[in-house]
Amino acid sequence: MEAMIPAGTAAPVLMPAVLVLGGVVVILGILLTYVRQQALQERHGDLHQRVTKLEASVTSIGERFDGLDRTLEVICHDGKVNRELLTLIIRGHMPEGKDTCP
């Protein structure tokens, strides 16, 4: 006949194994969280550098657009002056009393 083990005696044998497994899971979870935190911190530093570079480039692009605006204003003013000069030259070469071409 087989010896029967009461149900109460199996629990103390399994309890240390369950506790060790639970401890390993908790330690692995803590290590995983720590490694993930380190990776996120490094990534944050890289992203901060990229944002700083982008902000600097946006500032330089804005300065270039301001320079282009000034250049376009000068070109526009020169165009108006040239149009007035051409109008004056054309009127000077037209006979008196005629404001339009035939």
Protein backbone atom coordinates (compact mmCIF):
# COMPACT_ATOMS: atom_id res chain seq x y z
CA MET A 1 0.00 0.00 0.00
CA GLU A 2 1.13 3.48 -0.78
CA ALA A 3 1.74 5.88 2.00
CA MET A 4 -0.58 8.82 1.81
CA ILE A 5 0.84 12.26 2.50
CA PRO A 6 -1.56 14.61 4.17
CA ALA A 7 -2.35 17.78 2.18
CA GLY A 8 -0.91 20.06 4.83
CA THR A 9 2.65 18.75 4.50
CA ALA A 10 3.05 19.64 0.76
CA ALA A 11 2.47 23.37 1.35
CA PRO A 12 5.60 23.94 3.50
CA VAL A 13 7.75 22.19 0.87
CA LEU A 14 6.46 24.34 -2.02
CA MET A 15 6.39 27.63 -0.12
CA PRO A 16 10.17 28.36 -0.29
CA ALA A 17 10.22 27.57 -4.01
CA VAL A 18 7.28 29.93 -4.62
CA LEU A 19 8.90 32.65 -2.53
CA VAL A 20 12.23 32.28 -4.40
CA LEU A 21 10.43 32.40 -7.75
CA GLY A 22 8.46 35.46 -6.63
CA GLY A 23 11.67 37.14 -5.48
CA VAL A 24 13.37 36.42 -8.80
CA VAL A 25 10.41 37.89 -10.68
CA VAL A 26 10.45 41.02 -8.50
CA ILE A 27 14.23 41.46 -8.90
CA LEU A 28 13.99 40.98 -12.67
CA GLY A 29 11.17 43.54 -12.79
CA ILE A 30 13.25 46.04 -10.83
CA LEU A 31 16.28 45.46 -13.08
CA LEU A 32 14.17 45.82 -16.21
CA THR A 33 12.70 49.08 -14.89
CA TYR A 34 16.19 50.40 -14.05
CA VAL A 35 17.59 49.53 -17.50
CA ARG A 36 14.57 51.07 -19.20
CA GLN A 37 14.96 54.22 -17.10
CA GLN A 38 18.62 54.52 -18.11
CA ALA A 39 17.75 54.07 -21.80
CA LEU A 40 15.02 56.70 -21.56
CA GLN A 41 17.38 59.10 -19.83
CA GLU A 42 19.98 58.70 -22.59
CA ARG A 43 17.29 59.13 -25.25
CA HIS A 44 16.05 62.26 -23.50
CA GLY A 45 19.55 63.75 -23.64
CA ASP A 46 19.81 62.98 -27.37
CA LEU A 47 16.38 64.49 -28.03
CA HIS A 48 17.29 67.59 -26.02
CA GLN A 49 20.39 68.11 -28.19
CA ARG A 50 18.31 67.68 -31.37
CA VAL A 51 15.72 70.20 -30.15
CA THR A 52 18.48 72.69 -29.32
CA LYS A 53 19.96 72.29 -32.82
CA LEU A 54 16.53 72.66 -34.43
CA GLU A 55 15.78 75.82 -32.44
CA ALA A 56 19.13 77.28 -33.52
CA SER A 57 18.45 76.42 -37.16
CA VAL A 58 14.96 77.93 -36.97
CA THR A 59 16.50 81.13 -35.64
CA SER A 60 19.07 81.22 -38.45
CA ILE A 61 16.37 80.51 -41.06
CA GLY A 62 14.29 83.35 -39.61
CA GLU A 63 17.28 85.68 -39.89
CA ARG A 64 17.79 84.63 -43.51
CA PHE A 65 14.12 85.31 -44.28
CA ASP A 66 14.46 88.75 -42.71
CA GLY A 67 17.43 89.39 -45.00
CA LEU A 68 15.45 88.17 -47.99
CA ASP A 69 12.56 90.45 -47.06
CA ARG A 70 14.89 93.45 -47.02
CA THR A 71 16.40 92.40 -50.35
CA LEU A 72 12.94 92.01 -51.90
CA GLU A 73 11.94 95.45 -50.63
CA VAL A 74 15.04 96.95 -52.29
CA ILE A 75 14.29 95.07 -55.54
CA CYS A 76 10.66 96.22 -55.45
CA HIS A 77 11.74 99.82 -54.87
CA ASP A 78 14.27 99.57 -57.72
CA GLY A 79 11.54 98.16 -59.97
CA LYS A 80 9.29 101.12 -59.20
CA VAL A 81 12.11 103.56 -59.90
CA ASN A 82 12.96 101.76 -63.15
CA ARG A 83 9.31 101.85 -64.25
CA GLU A 84 9.12 105.57 -63.53
CA LEU A 85 12.39 106.15 -65.44
CA LEU A 86 11.19 104.16 -68.44
CA THR A 87 7.89 106.05 -68.41
CA LEU A 88 9.80 109.36 -68.35
CA ILE A 89 12.09 108.24 -71.19
CA ILE A 90 9.15 107.07 -73.33
CA ARG A 91 7.22 110.31 -72.74
CA GLY A 92 10.34 112.31 -73.60
CA HIS A 93 10.60 110.60 -76.98
CA MET A 94 6.92 111.01 -77.84
CA PRO A 95 5.76 114.03 -79.82
CA GLU A 96 4.04 116.82 -77.89
CA GLY A 97 0.35 116.37 -77.27
CA LYS A 98 0.28 112.56 -77.66
CA ASP A 99 -0.02 110.55 -74.46
CA THR A 100 -0.69 107.20 -76.10
CA CYS A 101 0.79 105.22 -78.96
CA PRO A 102 -1.22 104.89 -82.22
